[in-house]
Amino acid sequence: MPFPFDIPDNEKSELISKILKYTTRTQEENAQLKERVNILEQEIHRLKGLNGKPDIKPNTPKNDDSSSKPGDDNDAGAGHQKREALFEFQTAM
């Protein structure tokens, strides 16, 4: 993460240059340490047998082009049979 604002070179004193370098180095070190902590926390969870973060995949739209086309009775018949079976089960009770 770069420093939030730029100081023109002609306005930088030696002290300001050192402070900017130190700040940049500290920010980089902080990012590395955060990553290390994350890795170690995951290892602790694994060793304790705890569940880690779930591997959630992003939603992707289904391609309906390869499936049945309007007017095709292949899927409609299966849904109809399921509804009939459910209705028969409910009326038998």
PDB file of N, CA and C in Angstrom:
ATOM      1  N   MET A   1       0.855  -1.180   0.000  1.00  0.00           N
ATOM      2  CA  MET A   1       0.000   0.000   0.000  1.00  0.00           C
ATOM      3  C   MET A   1       0.892   1.231   0.000  1.00  0.00           C
ATOM      4  N   PRO A   2       0.808   2.046  -1.005  1.00  0.00           N
ATOM      5  CA  PRO A   2       1.652   3.238  -1.067  1.00  0.00           C
ATOM      6  C   PRO A   2       1.218   4.271  -0.038  1.00  0.00           C
ATOM      7  N   PHE A   3       2.106   5.199   0.189  1.00  0.00           N
ATOM      8  CA  PHE A   3       1.791   6.269   1.130  1.00  0.00           C
ATOM      9  C   PHE A   3       0.598   7.054   0.605  1.00  0.00           C
ATOM     10  N   PRO A   4      -0.311   7.503   1.474  1.00  0.00           N
ATOM     11  CA  PRO A   4      -1.566   8.100   1.021  1.00  0.00           C
ATOM     12  C   PRO A   4      -1.435   9.397   0.221  1.00  0.00           C
ATOM     13  N   PHE A   5      -0.300  10.079   0.303  1.00  0.00           N
ATOM     14  CA  PHE A   5      -0.147  11.307  -0.478  1.00  0.00           C
ATOM     15  C   PHE A   5       1.313  11.437  -0.893  1.00  0.00           C
ATOM     16  N   ASP A   6       1.531  12.155  -1.944  1.00  0.00           N
ATOM     17  CA  ASP A   6       2.887  12.362  -2.457  1.00  0.00           C
ATOM     18  C   ASP A   6       3.423  13.713  -2.010  1.00  0.00           C
ATOM     19  N   ILE A   7       4.702  13.721  -1.702  1.00  0.00           N
ATOM     20  CA  ILE A   7       5.385  14.964  -1.370  1.00  0.00           C
ATOM     21  C   ILE A   7       6.401  15.195  -2.475  1.00  0.00           C
ATOM     22  N   PRO A   8       6.354  16.339  -3.119  1.00  0.00           N
ATOM     23  CA  PRO A   8       7.329  16.608  -4.193  1.00  0.00           C
ATOM     24  C   PRO A   8       8.765  16.465  -3.682  1.00  0.00           C
ATOM     25  N   ASP A   9       9.645  15.978  -4.552  1.00  0.00           N
ATOM     26  CA  ASP A   9      11.040  15.741  -4.158  1.00  0.00           C
ATOM     27  C   ASP A   9      11.735  16.998  -3.642  1.00  0.00           C
ATOM     28  N   ASN A  10      11.394  18.133  -4.211  1.00  0.00           N
ATOM     29  CA  ASN A  10      12.066  19.364  -3.784  1.00  0.00           C
ATOM     30  C   ASN A  10      11.623  19.810  -2.392  1.00  0.00           C
ATOM     31  N   GLU A  11      10.509  19.261  -1.873  1.00  0.00           N
ATOM     32  CA  GLU A  11      10.029  19.635  -0.543  1.00  0.00           C
ATOM     33  C   GLU A  11      10.380  18.604   0.520  1.00  0.00           C
ATOM     34  N   LYS A  12      10.968  17.488   0.109  1.00  0.00           N
ATOM     35  CA  LYS A  12      11.320  16.441   1.063  1.00  0.00           C
ATOM     36  C   LYS A  12      12.656  16.757   1.725  1.00  0.00           C
ATOM     37  N   SER A  13      12.631  16.704   3.014  1.00  0.00           N
ATOM     38  CA  SER A  13      13.894  16.793   3.733  1.00  0.00           C
ATOM     39  C   SER A  13      14.408  15.361   3.923  1.00  0.00           C
ATOM     40  N   GLU A  14      15.608  15.239   4.432  1.00  0.00           N
ATOM     41  CA  GLU A  14      16.173  13.903   4.664  1.00  0.00           C
ATOM     42  C   GLU A  14      15.331  13.129   5.672  1.00  0.00           C
ATOM     43  N   LEU A  15      14.844  13.800   6.680  1.00  0.00           N
ATOM     44  CA  LEU A  15      14.030  13.152   7.700  1.00  0.00           C
ATOM     45  C   LEU A  15      12.712  12.647   7.121  1.00  0.00           C
ATOM     46  N   ILE A  16      12.066  13.467   6.300  1.00  0.00           N
ATOM     47  CA  ILE A  16      10.798  13.054   5.687  1.00  0.00           C
ATOM     48  C   ILE A  16      11.025  11.857   4.771  1.00  0.00           C
ATOM     49  N   SER A  17      12.103  11.834   4.020  1.00  0.00           N
ATOM     50  CA  SER A  17      12.411  10.699   3.150  1.00  0.00           C
ATOM     51  C   SER A  17      12.582   9.424   3.966  1.00  0.00           C
ATOM     52  N   LYS A  18      13.295   9.527   5.093  1.00  0.00           N
ATOM     53  CA  LYS A  18      13.481   8.360   5.964  1.00  0.00           C
ATOM     54  C   LYS A  18      12.155   7.886   6.555  1.00  0.00           C
ATOM     55  N   ILE A  19      11.313   8.827   6.939  1.00  0.00           N
ATOM     56  CA  ILE A  19      10.006   8.466   7.510  1.00  0.00           C
ATOM     57  C   ILE A  19       9.140   7.765   6.459  1.00  0.00           C
ATOM     58  N   LEU A  20       9.163   8.281   5.230  1.00  0.00           N
ATOM     59  CA  LEU A  20       8.378   7.653   4.164  1.00  0.00           C
ATOM     60  C   LEU A  20       8.875   6.244   3.854  1.00  0.00           C
ATOM     61  N   LYS A  21      10.183   6.054   3.815  1.00  0.00           N
ATOM     62  CA  LYS A  21      10.741   4.719   3.579  1.00  0.00           C
ATOM     63  C   LYS A  21      10.373   3.773   4.716  1.00  0.00           C
ATOM     64  N   TYR A  22      10.487   4.263   5.938  1.00  0.00           N
ATOM     65  CA  TYR A  22      10.144   3.438   7.100  1.00  0.00           C
ATOM     66  C   TYR A  22       8.663   3.062   7.078  1.00  0.00           C
ATOM     67  N   THR A  23       7.816   4.019   6.761  1.00  0.00           N
ATOM     68  CA  THR A  23       6.372   3.764   6.715  1.00  0.00           C
ATOM     69  C   THR A  23       6.039   2.738   5.640  1.00  0.00           C
ATOM     70  N   THR A  24       6.638   2.879   4.469  1.00  0.00           N
ATOM     71  CA  THR A  24       6.391   1.933   3.379  1.00  0.00           C
ATOM     72  C   THR A  24       6.856   0.535   3.772  1.00  0.00           C
ATOM     73  N   ARG A  25       8.063   0.449   4.348  1.00  0.00           N
ATOM     74  CA  ARG A  25       8.587  -0.851   4.774  1.00  0.00           C
ATOM     75  C   ARG A  25       7.698  -1.462   5.868  1.00  0.00           C
ATOM     76  N   THR A  26       7.212  -0.649   6.780  1.00  0.00           N
ATOM     77  CA  THR A  26       6.349  -1.134   7.853  1.00  0.00           C
ATOM     78  C   THR A  26       5.014  -1.644   7.297  1.00  0.00           C
ATOM     79  N   GLN A  27       4.460  -0.950   6.307  1.00  0.00           N
ATOM     80  CA  GLN A  27       3.209  -1.388   5.682  1.00  0.00           C
ATOM     81  C   GLN A  27       3.399  -2.732   4.972  1.00  0.00           C
ATOM     82  N   GLU A  28       4.515  -2.893   4.275  1.00  0.00           N
ATOM     83  CA  GLU A  28       4.791  -4.155   3.587  1.00  0.00           C
ATOM     84  C   GLU A  28       4.966  -5.288   4.594  1.00  0.00           C
ATOM     85  N   GLU A  29       5.699  -5.026   5.659  1.00  0.00           N
ATOM     86  CA  GLU A  29       5.908  -6.034   6.700  1.00  0.00           C
ATOM     87  C   GLU A  29       4.579  -6.404   7.361  1.00  0.00           C
ATOM     88  N   ASN A  30       3.747  -5.418   7.589  1.00  0.00           N
ATOM     89  CA  ASN A  30       2.441  -5.652   8.196  1.00  0.00           C
ATOM     90  C   ASN A  30       1.590  -6.570   7.323  1.00  0.00           C
ATOM     91  N   ALA A  31       1.604  -6.345   6.012  1.00  0.00           N
ATOM     92  CA  ALA A  31       0.849  -7.193   5.087  1.00  0.00           C
ATOM     93  C   ALA A  31       1.375  -8.623   5.115  1.00  0.00           C
ATOM     94  N   GLN A  32       2.700  -8.787   5.157  1.00  0.00           N
ATOM     95  CA  GLN A  32       3.287 -10.123   5.217  1.00  0.00           C
ATOM     96  C   GLN A  32       2.909 -10.831   6.521  1.00  0.00           C
ATOM     97  N   LEU A  33       2.941 -10.106   7.614  1.00  0.00           N
ATOM     98  CA  LEU A  33       2.596 -10.692   8.906  1.00  0.00           C
ATOM     99  C   LEU A  33       1.121 -11.093   8.972  1.00  0.00           C
ATOM    100  N   LYS A  34       0.253 -10.286   8.374  1.00  0.00           N
ATOM    101  CA  LYS A  34      -1.168 -10.643   8.343  1.00  0.00           C
ATOM    102  C   LYS A  34      -1.378 -11.940   7.581  1.00  0.00           C
ATOM    103  N   GLU A  35      -0.678 -12.105   6.478  1.00  0.00           N
ATOM    104  CA  GLU A  35      -0.788 -13.347   5.697  1.00  0.00           C
ATOM    105  C   GLU A  35      -0.260 -14.526   6.509  1.00  0.00           C
ATOM    106  N   ARG A  36       0.854 -14.327   7.198  1.00  0.00           N
ATOM    107  CA  ARG A  36       1.439 -15.398   8.030  1.00  0.00           C
ATOM    108  C   ARG A  36       0.471 -15.790   9.140  1.00  0.00           C
ATOM    109  N   VAL A  37      -0.139 -14.819   9.796  1.00  0.00           N
ATOM    110  CA  VAL A  37      -1.113 -15.104  10.858  1.00  0.00           C
ATOM    111  C   VAL A  37      -2.279 -15.904  10.294  1.00  0.00           C
ATOM    112  N   ASN A  38      -2.763 -15.536   9.112  1.00  0.00           N
ATOM    113  CA  ASN A  38      -3.867 -16.242   8.481  1.00  0.00           C
ATOM    114  C   ASN A  38      -3.496 -17.707   8.233  1.00  0.00           C
ATOM    115  N   ILE A  39      -2.286 -17.943   7.715  1.00  0.00           N
ATOM    116  CA  ILE A  39      -1.830 -19.310   7.450  1.00  0.00           C
ATOM    117  C   ILE A  39      -1.723 -20.102   8.753  1.00  0.00           C
ATOM    118  N   LEU A  40      -1.174 -19.495   9.789  1.00  0.00           N
ATOM    119  CA  LEU A  40      -1.029 -20.181  11.075  1.00  0.00           C
ATOM    120  C   LEU A  40      -2.379 -20.469  11.721  1.00  0.00           C
ATOM    121  N   GLU A  41      -3.339 -19.551  11.594  1.00  0.00           N
ATOM    122  CA  GLU A  41      -4.677 -19.796  12.137  1.00  0.00           C
ATOM    123  C   GLU A  41      -5.333 -20.973  11.429  1.00  0.00           C
ATOM    124  N   GLN A  42      -5.161 -21.064  10.115  1.00  0.00           N
ATOM    125  CA  GLN A  42      -5.712 -22.196   9.380  1.00  0.00           C
ATOM    126  C   GLN A  42      -5.069 -23.500   9.827  1.00  0.00           C
ATOM    127  N   GLU A  43      -3.767 -23.481  10.073  1.00  0.00           N
ATOM    128  CA  GLU A  43      -3.064 -24.679  10.535  1.00  0.00           C
ATOM    129  C   GLU A  43      -3.549 -25.087  11.922  1.00  0.00           C
ATOM    130  N   ILE A  44      -3.769 -24.130  12.800  1.00  0.00           N
ATOM    131  CA  ILE A  44      -4.283 -24.423  14.143  1.00  0.00           C
ATOM    132  C   ILE A  44      -5.658 -25.080  14.043  1.00  0.00           C
ATOM    133  N   HIS A  45      -6.524 -24.534  13.211  1.00  0.00           N
ATOM    134  CA  HIS A  45      -7.861 -25.111  13.028  1.00  0.00           C
ATOM    135  C   HIS A  45      -7.762 -26.537  12.499  1.00  0.00           C
ATOM    136  N   ARG A  46      -6.839 -26.756  11.555  1.00  0.00           N
ATOM    137  CA  ARG A  46      -6.681 -28.089  10.982  1.00  0.00           C
ATOM    138  C   ARG A  46      -6.190 -29.067  12.048  1.00  0.00           C
ATOM    139  N   LEU A  47      -5.212 -28.662  12.859  1.00  0.00           N
ATOM    140  CA  LEU A  47      -4.663 -29.544  13.880  1.00  0.00           C
ATOM    141  C   LEU A  47      -5.672 -29.835  14.988  1.00  0.00           C
ATOM    142  N   LYS A  48      -6.529 -28.872  15.310  1.00  0.00           N
ATOM    143  CA  LYS A  48      -7.560 -29.086  16.321  1.00  0.00           C
ATOM    144  C   LYS A  48      -8.732 -29.887  15.788  1.00  0.00           C
ATOM    145  N   GLY A  49      -8.765 -30.083  14.481  1.00  0.00           N
ATOM    146  CA  GLY A  49      -9.867 -30.821  13.876  1.00  0.00           C
ATOM    147  C   GLY A  49     -11.100 -29.975  13.676  1.00  0.00           C
ATOM    148  N   LEU A  50     -10.925 -28.667  13.726  1.00  0.00           N
ATOM    149  CA  LEU A  50     -12.059 -27.776  13.518  1.00  0.00           C
ATOM    150  C   LEU A  50     -12.285 -27.602  12.030  1.00  0.00           C
ATOM    151  N   ASN A  51     -13.490 -27.223  11.690  1.00  0.00           N
ATOM    152  CA  ASN A  51     -13.789 -26.970  10.284  1.00  0.00           C
ATOM    153  C   ASN A  51     -13.150 -25.660   9.859  1.00  0.00           C
ATOM    154  N   GLY A  52     -12.556 -25.675   8.695  1.00  0.00           N
ATOM    155  CA  GLY A  52     -11.978 -24.462   8.142  1.00  0.00           C
ATOM    156  C   GLY A  52     -13.048 -23.663   7.426  1.00  0.00           C
ATOM    157  N   LYS A  53     -12.608 -22.686   6.696  1.00  0.00           N
ATOM    158  CA  LYS A  53     -13.549 -21.907   5.915  1.00  0.00           C
ATOM    159  C   LYS A  53     -14.122 -22.788   4.817  1.00  0.00           C
ATOM    160  N   PRO A  54     -15.415 -22.692   4.577  1.00  0.00           N
ATOM    161  CA  PRO A  54     -15.996 -23.506   3.508  1.00  0.00           C
ATOM    162  C   PRO A  54     -15.534 -23.029   2.139  1.00  0.00           C
ATOM    163  N   ASP A  55     -15.413 -23.980   1.231  1.00  0.00           N
ATOM    164  CA  ASP A  55     -15.012 -23.661  -0.139  1.00  0.00           C
ATOM    165  C   ASP A  55     -16.287 -23.389  -0.932  1.00  0.00           C
ATOM    166  N   ILE A  56     -16.725 -22.139  -0.925  1.00  0.00           N
ATOM    167  CA  ILE A  56     -17.965 -21.755  -1.581  1.00  0.00           C
ATOM    168  C   ILE A  56     -17.649 -21.273  -2.979  1.00  0.00           C
ATOM    169  N   LYS A  57     -18.258 -21.912  -3.936  1.00  0.00           N
ATOM    170  CA  LYS A  57     -18.047 -21.553  -5.330  1.00  0.00           C
ATOM    171  C   LYS A  57     -19.052 -20.462  -5.709  1.00  0.00           C
ATOM    172  N   PRO A  58     -18.663 -19.535  -6.576  1.00  0.00           N
ATOM    173  CA  PRO A  58     -19.593 -18.478  -6.991  1.00  0.00           C
ATOM    174  C   PRO A  58     -20.736 -19.054  -7.827  1.00  0.00           C
ATOM    175  N   ASN A  59     -21.865 -18.389  -7.769  1.00  0.00           N
ATOM    176  CA  ASN A  59     -23.009 -18.801  -8.580  1.00  0.00           C
ATOM    177  C   ASN A  59     -22.690 -18.597 -10.043  1.00  0.00           C
ATOM    178  N   THR A  60     -23.029 -19.588 -10.826  1.00  0.00           N
ATOM    179  CA  THR A  60     -22.862 -19.464 -12.270  1.00  0.00           C
ATOM    180  C   THR A  60     -24.189 -19.775 -12.926  1.00  0.00           C
ATOM    181  N   PRO A  61     -24.565 -18.999 -13.903  1.00  0.00           N
ATOM    182  CA  PRO A  61     -25.845 -19.270 -14.561  1.00  0.00           C
ATOM    183  C   PRO A  61     -25.774 -20.599 -15.307  1.00  0.00           C
ATOM    184  N   LYS A  62     -26.887 -21.329 -15.256  1.00  0.00           N
ATOM    185  CA  LYS A  62     -26.954 -22.602 -15.957  1.00  0.00           C
ATOM    186  C   LYS A  62     -27.248 -22.343 -17.423  1.00  0.00           C
ATOM    187  N   ASN A  63     -26.626 -23.133 -18.277  1.00  0.00           N
ATOM    188  CA  ASN A  63     -26.881 -23.023 -19.707  1.00  0.00           C
ATOM    189  C   ASN A  63     -28.113 -23.839 -20.044  1.00  0.00           C
ATOM    190  N   ASP A  64     -29.188 -23.165 -20.402  1.00  0.00           N
ATOM    191  CA  ASP A  64     -30.421 -23.848 -20.754  1.00  0.00           C
ATOM    192  C   ASP A  64     -30.443 -24.250 -22.218  1.00  0.00           C
ATOM    193  N   ASP A  65     -29.407 -23.882 -22.977  1.00  0.00           N
ATOM    194  CA  ASP A  65     -29.364 -24.209 -24.397  1.00  0.00           C
ATOM    195  C   ASP A  65     -29.293 -25.712 -24.624  1.00  0.00           C
ATOM    196  N   SER A  66     -28.537 -26.422 -23.800  1.00  0.00           N
ATOM    197  CA  SER A  66     -28.359 -27.855 -24.009  1.00  0.00           C
ATOM    198  C   SER A  66     -29.493 -28.667 -23.379  1.00  0.00           C
ATOM    199  N   SER A  67     -30.267 -28.062 -22.507  1.00  0.00           N
ATOM    200  CA  SER A  67     -31.361 -28.795 -21.876  1.00  0.00           C
ATOM    201  C   SER A  67     -32.574 -28.809 -22.796  1.00  0.00           C
ATOM    202  N   SER A  68     -33.670 -29.287 -22.261  1.00  0.00           N
ATOM    203  CA  SER A  68     -34.869 -29.435 -23.097  1.00  0.00           C
ATOM    204  C   SER A  68     -35.360 -28.087 -23.607  1.00  0.00           C
ATOM    205  N   LYS A  69     -35.930 -28.108 -24.760  1.00  0.00           N
ATOM    206  CA  LYS A  69     -36.451 -26.897 -25.384  1.00  0.00           C
ATOM    207  C   LYS A  69     -37.926 -26.765 -25.044  1.00  0.00           C
ATOM    208  N   PRO A  70     -38.462 -25.571 -25.143  1.00  0.00           N
ATOM    209  CA  PRO A  70     -39.890 -25.416 -24.866  1.00  0.00           C
ATOM    210  C   PRO A  70     -40.703 -26.360 -25.738  1.00  0.00           C
ATOM    211  N   GLY A  71     -41.654 -27.009 -25.105  1.00  0.00           N
ATOM    212  CA  GLY A  71     -42.502 -27.947 -25.830  1.00  0.00           C
ATOM    213  C   GLY A  71     -41.984 -29.365 -25.748  1.00  0.00           C
ATOM    214  N   ASP A  72     -40.788 -29.566 -25.195  1.00  0.00           N
ATOM    215  CA  ASP A  72     -40.222 -30.901 -25.036  1.00  0.00           C
ATOM    216  C   ASP A  72     -40.810 -31.494 -23.760  1.00  0.00           C
ATOM    217  N   ASP A  73     -41.331 -32.687 -23.819  1.00  0.00           N
ATOM    218  CA  ASP A  73     -42.036 -33.274 -22.688  1.00  0.00           C
ATOM    219  C   ASP A  73     -41.148 -34.133 -21.804  1.00  0.00           C
ATOM    220  N   ASN A  74     -39.853 -34.200 -22.043  1.00  0.00           N
ATOM    221  CA  ASN A  74     -38.988 -35.059 -21.247  1.00  0.00           C
ATOM    222  C   ASN A  74     -38.972 -34.650 -19.779  1.00  0.00           C
ATOM    223  N   ASP A  75     -38.722 -33.396 -19.491  1.00  0.00           N
ATOM    224  CA  ASP A  75     -38.662 -32.937 -18.108  1.00  0.00           C
ATOM    225  C   ASP A  75     -40.058 -32.746 -17.524  1.00  0.00           C
ATOM    226  N   ALA A  76     -41.001 -32.357 -18.316  1.00  0.00           N
ATOM    227  CA  ALA A  76     -42.351 -32.116 -17.812  1.00  0.00           C
ATOM    228  C   ALA A  76     -42.954 -33.414 -17.298  1.00  0.00           C
ATOM    229  N   GLY A  77     -42.712 -34.520 -17.965  1.00  0.00           N
ATOM    230  CA  GLY A  77     -43.264 -35.805 -17.529  1.00  0.00           C
ATOM    231  C   GLY A  77     -42.687 -36.237 -16.194  1.00  0.00           C
ATOM    232  N   ALA A  78     -41.390 -36.022 -15.995  1.00  0.00           N
ATOM    233  CA  ALA A  78     -40.763 -36.402 -14.733  1.00  0.00           C
ATOM    234  C   ALA A  78     -41.332 -35.580 -13.587  1.00  0.00           C
ATOM    235  N   GLY A  79     -41.511 -34.279 -13.794  1.00  0.00           N
ATOM    236  CA  GLY A  79     -42.086 -33.433 -12.753  1.00  0.00           C
ATOM    237  C   GLY A  79     -43.521 -33.824 -12.451  1.00  0.00           C
ATOM    238  N   HIS A  80     -44.254 -34.175 -13.480  1.00  0.00           N
ATOM    239  CA  HIS A  80     -45.645 -34.582 -13.299  1.00  0.00           C
ATOM    240  C   HIS A  80     -45.708 -35.877 -12.500  1.00  0.00           C
ATOM    241  N   GLN A  81     -44.829 -36.818 -12.775  1.00  0.00           N
ATOM    242  CA  GLN A  81     -44.817 -38.084 -12.054  1.00  0.00           C
ATOM    243  C   GLN A  81     -44.467 -37.854 -10.585  1.00  0.00           C
ATOM    244  N   LYS A  82     -43.558 -36.957 -10.302  1.00  0.00           N
ATOM    245  CA  LYS A  82     -43.200 -36.664  -8.920  1.00  0.00           C
ATOM    246  C   LYS A  82     -44.371 -36.049  -8.175  1.00  0.00           C
ATOM    247  N   ARG A  83     -45.084 -35.142  -8.841  1.00  0.00           N
ATOM    248  CA  ARG A  83     -46.235 -34.520  -8.198  1.00  0.00           C
ATOM    249  C   ARG A  83     -47.321 -35.554  -7.916  1.00  0.00           C
ATOM    250  N   GLU A  84     -47.547 -36.476  -8.873  1.00  0.00           N
ATOM    251  CA  GLU A  84     -48.547 -37.515  -8.665  1.00  0.00           C
ATOM    252  C   GLU A  84     -48.163 -38.411  -7.504  1.00  0.00           C
ATOM    253  N   ALA A  85     -46.892 -38.784  -7.408  1.00  0.00           N
ATOM    254  CA  ALA A  85     -46.439 -39.639  -6.315  1.00  0.00           C
ATOM    255  C   ALA A  85     -46.609 -38.932  -4.983  1.00  0.00           C
ATOM    256  N   LEU A  86     -46.313 -37.656  -4.914  1.00  0.00           N
ATOM    257  CA  LEU A  86     -46.474 -36.879  -3.698  1.00  0.00           C
ATOM    258  C   LEU A  86     -47.950 -36.796  -3.315  1.00  0.00           C
ATOM    259  N   PHE A  87     -48.795 -36.558  -4.288  1.00  0.00           N
ATOM    260  CA  PHE A  87     -50.235 -36.473  -4.031  1.00  0.00           C
ATOM    261  C   PHE A  87     -50.747 -37.818  -3.511  1.00  0.00           C
ATOM    262  N   GLU A  88     -50.344 -38.937  -4.129  1.00  0.00           N
ATOM    263  CA  GLU A  88     -50.776 -40.257  -3.673  1.00  0.00           C
ATOM    264  C   GLU A  88     -50.301 -40.529  -2.258  1.00  0.00           C
ATOM    265  N   PHE A  89     -49.085 -40.102  -1.938  1.00  0.00           N
ATOM    266  CA  PHE A  89     -48.540 -40.305  -0.596  1.00  0.00           C
ATOM    267  C   PHE A  89     -49.354 -39.511   0.429  1.00  0.00           C
ATOM    268  N   GLN A  90     -49.696 -38.274   0.103  1.00  0.00           N
ATOM    269  CA  GLN A  90     -50.431 -37.428   1.031  1.00  0.00           C
ATOM    270  C   GLN A  90     -51.856 -37.936   1.222  1.00  0.00           C
ATOM    271  N   THR A  91     -52.491 -38.437   0.172  1.00  0.00           N
ATOM    272  CA  THR A  91     -53.873 -38.902   0.308  1.00  0.00           C
ATOM    273  C   THR A  91     -53.932 -40.258   1.001  1.00  0.00           C
ATOM    274  N   ALA A  92     -52.850 -41.026   0.970  1.00  0.00           N
ATOM    275  CA  ALA A  92     -52.836 -42.338   1.631  1.00  0.00           C
ATOM    276  C   ALA A  92     -52.770 -42.191   3.144  1.00  0.00           C
ATOM    277  N   MET A  93     -52.344 -41.074   3.619  1.00  0.00           N
ATOM    278  CA  MET A  93     -52.178 -40.870   5.081  1.00  0.00           C
ATOM    279  C   MET A  93     -53.474 -40.578   5.727  1.00  0.00           C
TER     280      MET A  93
END
